[in-house]
Amino acid sequence: MQIQVNTDNTVQGVESAAAFVERELRSTLGRFEDQITRIEVHLGDVNGAKRGSNDKRCMIEARLAGRQPETATEQADRLDLAITGASRKLLRLIETAVGKRDDVKGAETIRKAE
């Protein structure tokens, strides 16, 4: 699972933010690691230099093998909260997408891609 972190020029401490993103995503999405080919993360400040509530934004796009990408976005007061919120939203999206593929009406599907 390849993780790429992009930031705008208002994000301070890019290296520490990238390390936090890596730990959070590997922890949250680790069980889907064999199904996710790449994750792209975009971090930014919605207001730029101005202060305000919920102005930190995290958008995560996960590319699943053989499927359309799943995307989750979260805004929060702090960047770490936005990252955590977006990763949890993405987890639910991936669980739903993979669950629909593997489990149809309570039974395994005959159309599993292997």
N, C-alpha and C. Protein backbone atom coordinates (compact mmCIF):
# COMPACT_ATOMS: atom_id res chain seq x y z
N MET A 1 0.86 -1.17 0.00
CA MET A 1 0.00 0.00 0.00
C MET A 1 0.90 1.23 0.00
N GLN A 2 0.84 1.98 -1.07
CA GLN A 2 1.64 3.19 -1.22
C GLN A 2 0.82 4.38 -0.74
N ILE A 3 1.43 5.22 0.10
CA ILE A 3 0.74 6.40 0.64
C ILE A 3 1.49 7.65 0.19
N GLN A 4 0.77 8.56 -0.46
CA GLN A 4 1.34 9.82 -0.93
C GLN A 4 0.62 10.96 -0.22
N VAL A 5 1.38 11.87 0.39
CA VAL A 5 0.81 13.00 1.13
C VAL A 5 1.13 14.30 0.40
N ASN A 6 0.11 15.07 0.10
CA ASN A 6 0.26 16.38 -0.53
C ASN A 6 -0.29 17.43 0.43
N THR A 7 0.41 18.58 0.51
CA THR A 7 -0.05 19.66 1.39
C THR A 7 -0.03 20.97 0.63
N ASP A 8 -0.84 21.91 1.10
CA ASP A 8 -0.73 23.26 0.55
C ASP A 8 0.35 24.00 1.34
N ASN A 9 0.66 25.22 0.95
CA ASN A 9 1.76 25.93 1.58
C ASN A 9 1.44 26.48 2.97
N THR A 10 0.23 26.29 3.47
CA THR A 10 -0.11 26.79 4.80
C THR A 10 0.08 25.74 5.89
N VAL A 11 0.34 24.49 5.52
CA VAL A 11 0.50 23.42 6.50
C VAL A 11 1.90 23.47 7.09
N GLN A 12 1.97 23.59 8.42
CA GLN A 12 3.23 23.62 9.14
C GLN A 12 3.63 22.21 9.56
N GLY A 13 4.91 21.91 9.57
CA GLY A 13 5.38 20.60 10.02
C GLY A 13 4.98 19.48 9.08
N VAL A 14 5.30 19.62 7.82
CA VAL A 14 4.87 18.67 6.80
C VAL A 14 5.38 17.26 7.09
N GLU A 15 6.63 17.13 7.54
CA GLU A 15 7.20 15.80 7.81
C GLU A 15 6.47 15.09 8.94
N SER A 16 6.17 15.82 10.02
CA SER A 16 5.46 15.20 11.14
C SER A 16 4.02 14.88 10.75
N ALA A 17 3.40 15.73 9.95
CA ALA A 17 2.03 15.47 9.49
C ALA A 17 2.01 14.23 8.60
N ALA A 18 3.00 14.09 7.72
CA ALA A 18 3.08 12.93 6.83
C ALA A 18 3.31 11.65 7.64
N ALA A 19 4.13 11.73 8.67
CA ALA A 19 4.36 10.55 9.52
C ALA A 19 3.08 10.17 10.26
N PHE A 20 2.34 11.16 10.75
CA PHE A 20 1.08 10.88 11.44
C PHE A 20 0.08 10.25 10.48
N VAL A 21 -0.01 10.78 9.26
CA VAL A 21 -0.91 10.22 8.25
C VAL A 21 -0.57 8.76 7.99
N GLU A 22 0.69 8.47 7.81
CA GLU A 22 1.15 7.10 7.54
C GLU A 22 0.75 6.16 8.68
N ARG A 23 1.01 6.55 9.93
CA ARG A 23 0.65 5.71 11.08
C ARG A 23 -0.86 5.52 11.17
N GLU A 24 -1.60 6.60 11.01
CA GLU A 24 -3.06 6.54 11.13
C GLU A 24 -3.67 5.63 10.07
N LEU A 25 -3.24 5.78 8.83
CA LEU A 25 -3.81 4.99 7.74
C LEU A 25 -3.43 3.52 7.84
N ARG A 26 -2.19 3.24 8.20
CA ARG A 26 -1.78 1.83 8.35
C ARG A 26 -2.52 1.17 9.51
N SER A 27 -2.76 1.94 10.57
CA SER A 27 -3.51 1.42 11.71
C SER A 27 -4.99 1.20 11.35
N THR A 28 -5.60 2.18 10.71
CA THR A 28 -7.02 2.12 10.40
C THR A 28 -7.35 1.17 9.26
N LEU A 29 -6.56 1.21 8.19
CA LEU A 29 -6.88 0.46 6.97
C LEU A 29 -5.98 -0.75 6.75
N GLY A 30 -5.19 -1.11 7.74
CA GLY A 30 -4.22 -2.20 7.59
C GLY A 30 -4.81 -3.51 7.11
N ARG A 31 -5.99 -3.85 7.53
CA ARG A 31 -6.56 -5.14 7.14
C ARG A 31 -6.95 -5.19 5.66
N PHE A 32 -7.04 -4.02 5.02
CA PHE A 32 -7.35 -3.95 3.59
C PHE A 32 -6.09 -3.68 2.75
N GLU A 33 -4.93 -3.78 3.37
CA GLU A 33 -3.68 -3.43 2.70
C GLU A 33 -3.47 -4.19 1.40
N ASP A 34 -3.88 -5.44 1.34
CA ASP A 34 -3.69 -6.23 0.13
C ASP A 34 -4.66 -5.84 -0.99
N GLN A 35 -5.71 -5.09 -0.65
CA GLN A 35 -6.71 -4.67 -1.65
C GLN A 35 -6.55 -3.22 -2.08
N ILE A 36 -5.77 -2.45 -1.34
CA ILE A 36 -5.55 -1.04 -1.66
C ILE A 36 -4.21 -0.91 -2.36
N THR A 37 -4.24 -0.34 -3.56
CA THR A 37 -2.99 -0.18 -4.29
C THR A 37 -2.28 1.12 -3.92
N ARG A 38 -3.06 2.20 -3.76
CA ARG A 38 -2.46 3.49 -3.45
C ARG A 38 -3.44 4.36 -2.69
N ILE A 39 -2.90 5.18 -1.80
CA ILE A 39 -3.69 6.17 -1.06
C ILE A 39 -3.06 7.53 -1.29
N GLU A 40 -3.89 8.50 -1.66
CA GLU A 40 -3.42 9.85 -1.85
C GLU A 40 -4.13 10.75 -0.84
N VAL A 41 -3.35 11.53 -0.10
CA VAL A 41 -3.87 12.38 0.96
C VAL A 41 -3.57 13.83 0.63
N HIS A 42 -4.57 14.69 0.76
CA HIS A 42 -4.41 16.13 0.54
C HIS A 42 -4.75 16.84 1.84
N LEU A 43 -3.77 17.57 2.39
CA LEU A 43 -3.95 18.32 3.63
C LEU A 43 -3.91 19.81 3.32
N GLY A 44 -4.77 20.58 3.97
CA GLY A 44 -4.76 22.01 3.73
C GLY A 44 -5.50 22.79 4.78
N ASP A 45 -5.39 24.08 4.65
CA ASP A 45 -6.07 25.03 5.52
C ASP A 45 -7.08 25.77 4.66
N VAL A 46 -8.35 25.63 4.98
CA VAL A 46 -9.43 26.20 4.16
C VAL A 46 -9.36 27.72 4.13
N ASN A 47 -9.07 28.35 5.26
CA ASN A 47 -9.07 29.81 5.37
C ASN A 47 -7.73 30.44 5.06
N GLY A 48 -6.71 29.66 4.80
CA GLY A 48 -5.38 30.22 4.60
C GLY A 48 -4.83 30.74 5.92
N ALA A 49 -4.39 31.98 5.93
CA ALA A 49 -3.78 32.56 7.12
C ALA A 49 -4.79 33.00 8.17
N LYS A 50 -6.06 33.14 7.79
CA LYS A 50 -7.08 33.57 8.75
C LYS A 50 -7.42 32.44 9.72
N ARG A 51 -7.83 32.82 10.91
CA ARG A 51 -8.24 31.82 11.90
C ARG A 51 -9.74 31.57 11.77
N GLY A 52 -10.14 30.38 12.17
CA GLY A 52 -11.55 30.04 12.16
C GLY A 52 -11.74 28.61 12.62
N SER A 53 -12.97 28.26 12.90
CA SER A 53 -13.22 26.88 13.34
C SER A 53 -13.37 25.99 12.11
N ASN A 54 -13.02 24.75 12.29
CA ASN A 54 -13.10 23.74 11.23
C ASN A 54 -12.40 24.20 9.95
N ASP A 55 -11.21 24.76 10.09
CA ASP A 55 -10.53 25.25 8.89
C ASP A 55 -9.42 24.33 8.39
N LYS A 56 -9.14 23.26 9.09
CA LYS A 56 -8.16 22.28 8.62
C LYS A 56 -8.90 21.18 7.85
N ARG A 57 -8.39 20.84 6.67
CA ARG A 57 -9.09 19.90 5.79
C ARG A 57 -8.18 18.74 5.40
N CYS A 58 -8.75 17.55 5.42
CA CYS A 58 -8.05 16.35 4.98
C CYS A 58 -8.96 15.61 3.99
N MET A 59 -8.43 15.36 2.80
CA MET A 59 -9.14 14.59 1.79
C MET A 59 -8.27 13.37 1.48
N ILE A 60 -8.86 12.18 1.60
CA ILE A 60 -8.13 10.94 1.35
C ILE A 60 -8.82 10.18 0.22
N GLU A 61 -8.03 9.76 -0.75
CA GLU A 61 -8.54 8.95 -1.86
C GLU A 61 -7.79 7.63 -1.84
N ALA A 62 -8.54 6.54 -1.76
CA ALA A 62 -7.95 5.20 -1.77
C ALA A 62 -8.30 4.51 -3.06
N ARG A 63 -7.30 3.98 -3.72
CA ARG A 63 -7.53 3.23 -4.96
C ARG A 63 -7.51 1.75 -4.63
N LEU A 64 -8.66 1.13 -4.83
CA LEU A 64 -8.80 -0.30 -4.57
C LEU A 64 -8.57 -1.07 -5.87
N ALA A 65 -7.89 -2.19 -5.78
CA ALA A 65 -7.60 -2.99 -6.96
C ALA A 65 -8.90 -3.42 -7.63
N GLY A 66 -9.04 -3.08 -8.92
CA GLY A 66 -10.20 -3.49 -9.69
C GLY A 66 -11.48 -2.75 -9.39
N ARG A 67 -11.39 -1.63 -8.68
CA ARG A 67 -12.60 -0.88 -8.30
C ARG A 67 -12.37 0.61 -8.52
N GLN A 68 -13.44 1.36 -8.46
CA GLN A 68 -13.34 2.81 -8.52
C GLN A 68 -12.74 3.32 -7.20
N PRO A 69 -12.04 4.45 -7.22
CA PRO A 69 -11.47 5.01 -5.98
C PRO A 69 -12.57 5.41 -5.00
N GLU A 70 -12.26 5.31 -3.73
CA GLU A 70 -13.15 5.78 -2.66
C GLU A 70 -12.51 7.04 -2.06
N THR A 71 -13.33 8.05 -1.76
CA THR A 71 -12.83 9.32 -1.26
C THR A 71 -13.59 9.75 -0.02
N ALA A 72 -12.84 10.26 0.96
CA ALA A 72 -13.44 10.78 2.19
C ALA A 72 -12.79 12.12 2.54
N THR A 73 -13.59 13.05 3.03
CA THR A 73 -13.10 14.37 3.40
C THR A 73 -13.59 14.71 4.80
N GLU A 74 -12.73 15.39 5.56
CA GLU A 74 -13.10 15.83 6.91
C GLU A 74 -12.47 17.19 7.17
N GLN A 75 -13.22 18.07 7.81
CA GLN A 75 -12.71 19.35 8.27
C GLN A 75 -12.82 19.40 9.79
N ALA A 76 -11.79 19.96 10.43
CA ALA A 76 -11.76 20.04 11.89
C ALA A 76 -10.93 21.24 12.31
N ASP A 77 -10.90 21.48 13.63
CA ASP A 77 -10.12 22.59 14.17
C ASP A 77 -8.62 22.32 14.08
N ARG A 78 -8.24 21.04 14.19
CA ARG A 78 -6.82 20.66 14.13
C ARG A 78 -6.62 19.65 13.01
N LEU A 79 -5.43 19.65 12.46
CA LEU A 79 -5.11 18.77 11.35
C LEU A 79 -5.18 17.29 11.74
N ASP A 80 -4.72 16.95 12.95
CA ASP A 80 -4.76 15.55 13.37
C ASP A 80 -6.20 15.03 13.49
N LEU A 81 -7.12 15.90 13.93
CA LEU A 81 -8.53 15.50 14.02
C LEU A 81 -9.14 15.32 12.63
N ALA A 82 -8.74 16.16 11.69
CA ALA A 82 -9.23 16.03 10.32
C ALA A 82 -8.73 14.74 9.69
N ILE A 83 -7.47 14.40 9.94
CA ILE A 83 -6.88 13.16 9.40
C ILE A 83 -7.58 11.94 9.98
N THR A 84 -7.77 11.93 11.29
CA THR A 84 -8.44 10.81 11.95
C THR A 84 -9.88 10.66 11.47
N GLY A 85 -10.60 11.77 11.37
CA GLY A 85 -11.98 11.72 10.91
C GLY A 85 -12.10 11.21 9.49
N ALA A 86 -11.23 11.70 8.60
CA ALA A 86 -11.27 11.27 7.20
C ALA A 86 -10.90 9.79 7.07
N SER A 87 -9.93 9.33 7.85
CA SER A 87 -9.53 7.92 7.77
C SER A 87 -10.64 7.00 8.27
N ARG A 88 -11.37 7.42 9.28
CA ARG A 88 -12.50 6.61 9.77
C ARG A 88 -13.65 6.58 8.77
N LYS A 89 -13.92 7.72 8.13
CA LYS A 89 -14.94 7.75 7.07
C LYS A 89 -14.54 6.83 5.93
N LEU A 90 -13.26 6.88 5.55
CA LEU A 90 -12.78 6.05 4.46
C LEU A 90 -12.87 4.57 4.82
N LEU A 91 -12.59 4.22 6.06
CA LEU A 91 -12.72 2.84 6.51
C LEU A 91 -14.14 2.34 6.30
N ARG A 92 -15.13 3.13 6.70
CA ARG A 92 -16.53 2.73 6.52
C ARG A 92 -16.87 2.56 5.04
N LEU A 93 -16.37 3.45 4.20
CA LEU A 93 -16.62 3.34 2.76
C LEU A 93 -16.02 2.07 2.18
N ILE A 94 -14.79 1.77 2.58
CA ILE A 94 -14.11 0.57 2.07
C ILE A 94 -14.77 -0.69 2.60
N GLU A 95 -15.15 -0.69 3.88
CA GLU A 95 -15.86 -1.84 4.44
C GLU A 95 -17.14 -2.12 3.66
N THR A 96 -17.87 -1.06 3.33
CA THR A 96 -19.10 -1.20 2.57
C THR A 96 -18.82 -1.72 1.17
N ALA A 97 -17.84 -1.12 0.50
CA ALA A 97 -17.53 -1.52 -0.88
C ALA A 97 -17.05 -2.96 -0.96
N VAL A 98 -16.17 -3.35 -0.07
CA VAL A 98 -15.64 -4.72 -0.06
C VAL A 98 -16.71 -5.68 0.41
N GLY A 99 -17.51 -5.27 1.38
CA GLY A 99 -18.58 -6.13 1.88
C GLY A 99 -19.62 -6.41 0.83
N LYS A 100 -19.96 -5.39 0.02
CA LYS A 100 -20.94 -5.59 -1.04
C LYS A 100 -20.40 -6.56 -2.09
N ARG A 101 -19.11 -6.49 -2.35
CA ARG A 101 -18.53 -7.38 -3.34
C ARG A 101 -18.46 -8.82 -2.84
N ASP A 102 -18.12 -8.98 -1.56
CA ASP A 102 -17.89 -10.32 -1.01
C ASP A 102 -19.13 -10.96 -0.41
N ASP A 103 -20.13 -10.17 -0.09
CA ASP A 103 -21.28 -10.70 0.63
C ASP A 103 -22.57 -10.18 0.00
N VAL A 104 -23.28 -11.05 -0.68
CA VAL A 104 -24.51 -10.66 -1.34
C VAL A 104 -25.68 -11.34 -0.65
N LYS A 105 -26.59 -10.54 -0.09
CA LYS A 105 -27.78 -11.05 0.61
C LYS A 105 -27.45 -12.11 1.64
N GLY A 106 -26.40 -11.86 2.41
CA GLY A 106 -26.07 -12.76 3.51
C GLY A 106 -25.29 -13.99 3.12
N ALA A 107 -24.95 -14.13 1.86
CA ALA A 107 -24.18 -15.30 1.42
C ALA A 107 -23.02 -14.85 0.56
N GLU A 108 -22.03 -15.71 0.45
CA GLU A 108 -20.90 -15.38 -0.40
C GLU A 108 -21.33 -15.35 -1.85
N THR A 109 -20.72 -14.45 -2.61
CA THR A 109 -21.04 -14.35 -4.01
C THR A 109 -20.25 -15.38 -4.82
N ILE A 110 -20.78 -15.75 -5.96
CA ILE A 110 -20.06 -16.69 -6.83
C ILE A 110 -19.14 -15.92 -7.77
N ARG A 111 -19.18 -14.60 -7.70
CA ARG A 111 -18.41 -13.76 -8.61
C ARG A 111 -17.20 -13.14 -7.95
N LYS A 112 -16.56 -13.83 -7.08
CA LYS A 112 -15.37 -13.29 -6.41
C LYS A 112 -14.23 -13.18 -7.40
N ALA A 113 -13.55 -12.06 -7.35
CA ALA A 113 -12.36 -11.85 -8.19
C ALA A 113 -11.15 -12.37 -7.43
N GLU A 114 -10.51 -13.37 -7.97
CA GLU A 114 -9.33 -13.93 -7.31
C GLU A 114 -8.16 -13.96 -8.22
